């Protein structure tokens, strides 16, 4: 096992522990949302400042849009979490996003194969399929466990959540390639920056949650 993989595993375990405390305590949730938001905004600013070096107005407007999005995302996450049933659904979608990342990483490493797109040379078709399988399986089995019911649209929700996660991931991969950087930061050993870890969730969670509310 490589040194970087060990770091990734240890960091992932720590993140899961933090996620558990965020689930059971809204104060912890609010605190970490602030921390994650601050780092995400700073890391995004670094990327955009590199891409649009001399275009100050464009940098300001893009950063303003991202800051507004992060504020709305975090505010909605925290406010909705004060309603227990909505908090359960939010965290269900969040962990479905995590499952998508895990599926893409594990299956992609095992099977490798043809590249998915030039935007991200590390992304493979097998990884994309793994992301879909892991998301659909986790979401469907968890809903079945909670409700003792299974409907075909559970598969659709898991699928759409994974697709949105992968789209968000690819978008930020494109920005990183444009700025010629590998990771948005080094805050998370083995993972890179905060934005490297939450990029897919920023799109996957809203899409998954809204789809769940509309369909379920």
Protein backbone atom coordinates (compact mmCIF):
# COMPACT_ATOMS: atom_id res chain seq x y z
CA UNK A 1 0.00 0.00 0.00
CA UNK A 2 1.46 3.36 -1.02
CA UNK A 3 2.12 6.12 1.50
CA UNK A 4 -0.36 8.43 -0.24
CA UNK A 5 -3.09 5.77 -0.14
CA UNK A 6 -2.53 5.31 3.60
CA UNK A 7 -2.90 9.06 4.10
CA UNK A 8 -6.08 9.00 2.02
CA UNK A 9 -7.56 6.20 4.12
CA UNK A 10 -6.69 7.86 7.45
CA UNK A 11 -8.06 11.20 6.28
CA UNK A 12 -11.24 9.52 5.00
CA UNK A 13 -11.75 7.86 8.40
CA UNK A 14 -11.35 11.24 10.12
CA UNK A 15 -13.80 12.86 7.70
CA UNK A 16 -16.39 10.13 8.34
CA UNK A 17 -16.03 10.72 12.08
CA UNK A 18 -16.57 14.46 11.58
CA UNK A 19 -19.56 13.67 9.39
CA UNK A 20 -21.05 11.59 12.21
CA UNK A 21 -20.70 14.47 14.69
CA UNK A 22 -22.22 16.84 12.12
CA UNK A 23 -25.19 14.49 11.89
CA UNK A 24 -25.86 14.31 15.62
CA UNK A 25 -25.08 17.93 16.57
CA UNK A 26 -26.18 21.04 14.66
CA UNK A 27 -23.58 23.24 16.38
CA UNK A 28 -20.81 21.02 15.03
CA UNK A 29 -22.57 21.04 11.66
CA UNK A 30 -22.70 24.85 11.58
CA UNK A 31 -19.06 25.18 12.65
CA UNK A 32 -17.74 22.83 9.98
CA UNK A 33 -19.96 24.36 7.30
CA UNK A 34 -18.31 27.72 8.03
CA UNK A 35 -14.81 26.20 7.92
CA UNK A 36 -15.49 24.24 4.73
CA UNK A 37 -17.08 27.28 3.08
CA UNK A 38 -14.12 29.54 3.91
CA UNK A 39 -11.54 27.11 2.55
CA UNK A 40 -13.63 26.39 -0.55
CA UNK A 41 -13.92 30.10 -1.35
CA UNK A 42 -10.18 30.71 -0.80
CA UNK A 43 -9.20 27.72 -2.93
CA UNK A 44 -11.62 28.71 -5.68
CA UNK A 45 -10.24 32.25 -5.67
CA UNK A 46 -6.73 30.86 -6.11
CA UNK A 47 -7.77 28.91 -9.20
CA UNK A 48 -9.73 31.75 -10.78
CA UNK A 49 -6.95 34.26 -10.06
CA UNK A 50 -4.52 32.04 -11.98
CA UNK A 51 -6.85 31.49 -14.95
CA UNK A 52 -7.86 35.17 -15.29
CA UNK A 53 -4.62 36.75 -14.10
CA UNK A 54 -5.15 40.28 -15.45
CA UNK A 55 -8.96 40.36 -15.66
CA UNK A 56 -9.79 41.79 -12.25
CA UNK A 57 -13.46 42.47 -12.94
CA UNK A 58 -14.03 38.93 -14.22
CA UNK A 59 -12.23 37.51 -11.18
CA UNK A 60 -14.42 39.61 -8.87
CA UNK A 61 -17.69 38.63 -10.57
CA UNK A 62 -16.89 34.90 -10.72
CA UNK A 63 -15.78 34.89 -7.09
CA UNK A 64 -18.90 36.80 -6.10
CA UNK A 65 -21.08 34.21 -7.83
CA UNK A 66 -19.25 31.32 -6.16
CA UNK A 67 -19.37 33.02 -2.76
CA UNK A 68 -23.12 33.55 -3.13
CA UNK A 69 -23.59 29.94 -4.16
CA UNK A 70 -21.58 28.63 -1.19
CA UNK A 71 -23.51 30.91 1.18
CA UNK A 72 -26.88 29.70 -0.13
CA UNK A 73 -25.71 26.08 -0.14
CA UNK A 74 -24.43 26.19 3.46
CA UNK A 75 -27.38 28.23 4.75
CA UNK A 76 -29.92 25.85 3.20
CA UNK A 77 -27.98 22.86 4.56
CA UNK A 78 -27.99 24.27 8.10
CA UNK A 79 -31.56 25.62 8.16
CA UNK A 80 -33.10 22.43 6.75
CA UNK A 81 -31.09 20.37 9.23
CA UNK A 82 -33.19 21.77 12.09
CA UNK A 83 -36.04 19.58 10.80
CA UNK A 84 -35.15 15.98 11.64
CA UNK A 85 -36.83 14.32 8.65
CA UNK A 86 -35.17 16.76 6.23
CA UNK A 87 -31.81 16.34 7.95
CA UNK A 88 -32.02 12.59 7.44
CA UNK A 89 -32.76 13.11 3.73
CA UNK A 90 -29.93 15.65 3.35
CA UNK A 91 -27.37 13.34 4.92
CA UNK A 92 -28.71 10.45 2.88
CA UNK A 93 -27.98 12.41 -0.29
CA UNK A 94 -24.61 13.56 1.08
CA UNK A 95 -23.49 9.99 1.76
CA UNK A 96 -24.82 8.98 -1.66
CA UNK A 97 -22.40 11.58 -3.07
CA UNK A 98 -19.61 10.08 -0.96
CA UNK A 99 -20.56 6.63 -2.30
CA UNK A 100 -20.25 8.01 -5.83
CA UNK A 101 -16.71 9.20 -5.10
CA UNK A 102 -15.75 5.90 -3.47
CA UNK A 103 -17.21 3.89 -6.34
CA UNK A 104 -15.37 5.95 -8.92
CA UNK A 105 -12.07 5.64 -7.04
CA UNK A 106 -12.28 1.92 -6.24
CA UNK A 107 -13.68 0.64 -9.55
CA UNK A 108 -11.52 3.03 -11.55
CA UNK A 109 -8.38 1.77 -9.80
CA UNK A 110 -9.36 -1.88 -10.17
CA UNK A 111 -10.45 -1.90 -13.81
CA UNK A 112 -8.79 1.23 -15.25
CA UNK A 113 -9.52 1.17 -18.99
CA UNK A 114 -10.48 3.93 -21.41
CA UNK A 115 -10.39 7.53 -20.24
CA UNK A 116 -13.74 9.21 -19.71
CA UNK A 117 -12.71 12.65 -20.95
CA UNK A 118 -9.66 14.81 -21.62
CA UNK A 119 -10.84 17.21 -18.91
CA UNK A 120 -9.56 14.84 -16.24
CA UNK A 121 -6.98 12.20 -17.28
CA UNK A 122 -7.55 10.21 -14.07
CA UNK A 123 -11.26 9.67 -14.77
CA UNK A 124 -12.15 6.44 -16.59
CA UNK A 125 -15.36 5.02 -18.01
CA UNK A 126 -15.11 2.12 -15.55
CA UNK A 127 -14.82 4.64 -12.70
CA UNK A 128 -17.89 6.53 -13.91
CA UNK A 129 -19.88 3.28 -14.02
CA UNK A 130 -18.58 2.38 -10.55
CA UNK A 131 -19.79 5.74 -9.26
CA UNK A 132 -23.28 5.06 -10.62
CA UNK A 133 -23.41 1.54 -9.19
CA UNK A 134 -22.24 2.57 -5.71
CA UNK A 135 -24.63 5.55 -5.54
CA UNK A 136 -27.66 3.63 -6.77
CA UNK A 137 -26.94 0.67 -4.50
CA UNK A 138 -26.35 2.73 -1.36
CA UNK A 139 -29.36 4.99 -1.86
CA UNK A 140 -31.78 2.18 -2.76
CA UNK A 141 -30.69 -0.13 0.06
CA UNK A 142 -30.78 2.65 2.66
CA UNK A 143 -34.25 3.83 1.64
CA UNK A 144 -35.44 0.21 1.68
CA UNK A 145 -33.96 -0.27 5.16
CA UNK A 146 -35.66 2.89 6.46
CA UNK A 147 -39.05 2.42 4.79
CA UNK A 148 -39.22 -1.33 4.01
CA UNK A 149 -40.31 -0.23 0.56
CA UNK A 150 -38.70 -0.27 -2.87
CA UNK A 151 -39.69 1.79 -5.90
CA UNK A 152 -38.02 2.05 -9.29
CA UNK A 153 -37.51 5.79 -8.87
CA UNK A 154 -35.05 5.11 -6.03
CA UNK A 155 -32.67 3.98 -8.77
CA UNK A 156 -33.29 7.20 -10.70
CA UNK A 157 -32.51 9.38 -7.67
CA UNK A 158 -29.25 7.54 -6.99
CA UNK A 159 -28.33 7.74 -10.66
CA UNK A 160 -29.06 11.48 -11.04
CA UNK A 161 -27.18 12.26 -7.83
CA UNK A 162 -24.10 10.42 -9.09
CA UNK A 163 -24.27 12.06 -12.53
CA UNK A 164 -24.48 15.50 -10.90
CA UNK A 165 -21.55 14.65 -8.61
CA UNK A 166 -19.42 13.53 -11.51
CA UNK A 167 -20.37 16.63 -13.50
CA UNK A 168 -19.33 18.89 -10.63
CA UNK A 169 -16.10 16.95 -10.24
CA UNK A 170 -15.31 17.26 -13.95
CA UNK A 171 -16.05 20.98 -13.93
CA UNK A 172 -13.53 21.64 -11.18
CA UNK A 173 -11.07 19.26 -12.84
CA UNK A 174 -11.37 21.43 -15.95
CA UNK A 175 -10.64 24.56 -13.88
CA UNK A 176 -7.61 22.90 -12.30
CA UNK A 177 -6.26 21.92 -15.71
CA UNK A 178 -6.77 25.49 -16.94
CA UNK A 179 -4.85 26.82 -13.94
CA UNK A 180 -2.17 24.10 -14.25
CA UNK A 181 -2.53 22.88 -10.67
CA UNK A 182 -3.05 19.29 -9.49
CA UNK A 183 -4.92 19.97 -6.23
CA UNK A 184 -6.78 23.01 -4.94
CA UNK A 185 -4.83 22.80 -1.67
CA UNK A 186 -3.06 20.49 0.78
CA UNK A 187 -5.35 20.76 3.81
CA UNK A 188 -6.49 17.11 3.59
CA UNK A 189 -3.56 14.64 3.41
CA UNK A 190 -4.04 12.23 0.53
CA UNK A 191 -7.01 14.16 -0.84
CA UNK A 192 -5.69 17.66 -1.54
CA UNK A 193 -7.76 20.71 -0.67
CA UNK A 194 -11.27 21.07 0.71
CA UNK A 195 -12.59 21.88 -2.75
CA UNK A 196 -11.05 18.67 -4.09
CA UNK A 197 -13.24 16.76 -1.64
CA UNK A 198 -16.53 18.68 -1.94
CA UNK A 199 -16.52 19.69 -5.62
CA UNK A 200 -18.96 16.98 -6.69
CA UNK A 201 -21.19 17.51 -3.66
CA UNK A 202 -21.74 21.17 -4.51
CA UNK A 203 -23.81 20.07 -7.49
CA UNK A 204 -24.72 16.53 -6.49
CA UNK A 205 -26.43 17.42 -3.22
CA UNK A 206 -28.83 20.10 -4.56
CA UNK A 207 -29.72 17.95 -7.58
CA UNK A 208 -30.18 14.80 -5.49
CA UNK A 209 -32.15 16.50 -2.72
CA UNK A 210 -34.49 18.38 -5.05
CA UNK A 211 -35.05 15.26 -7.15
CA UNK A 212 -35.84 13.32 -3.99
CA UNK A 213 -38.36 15.94 -2.86
CA UNK A 214 -40.05 16.04 -6.28
CA UNK A 215 -40.24 12.30 -6.82
CA UNK A 216 -40.52 10.73 -3.37
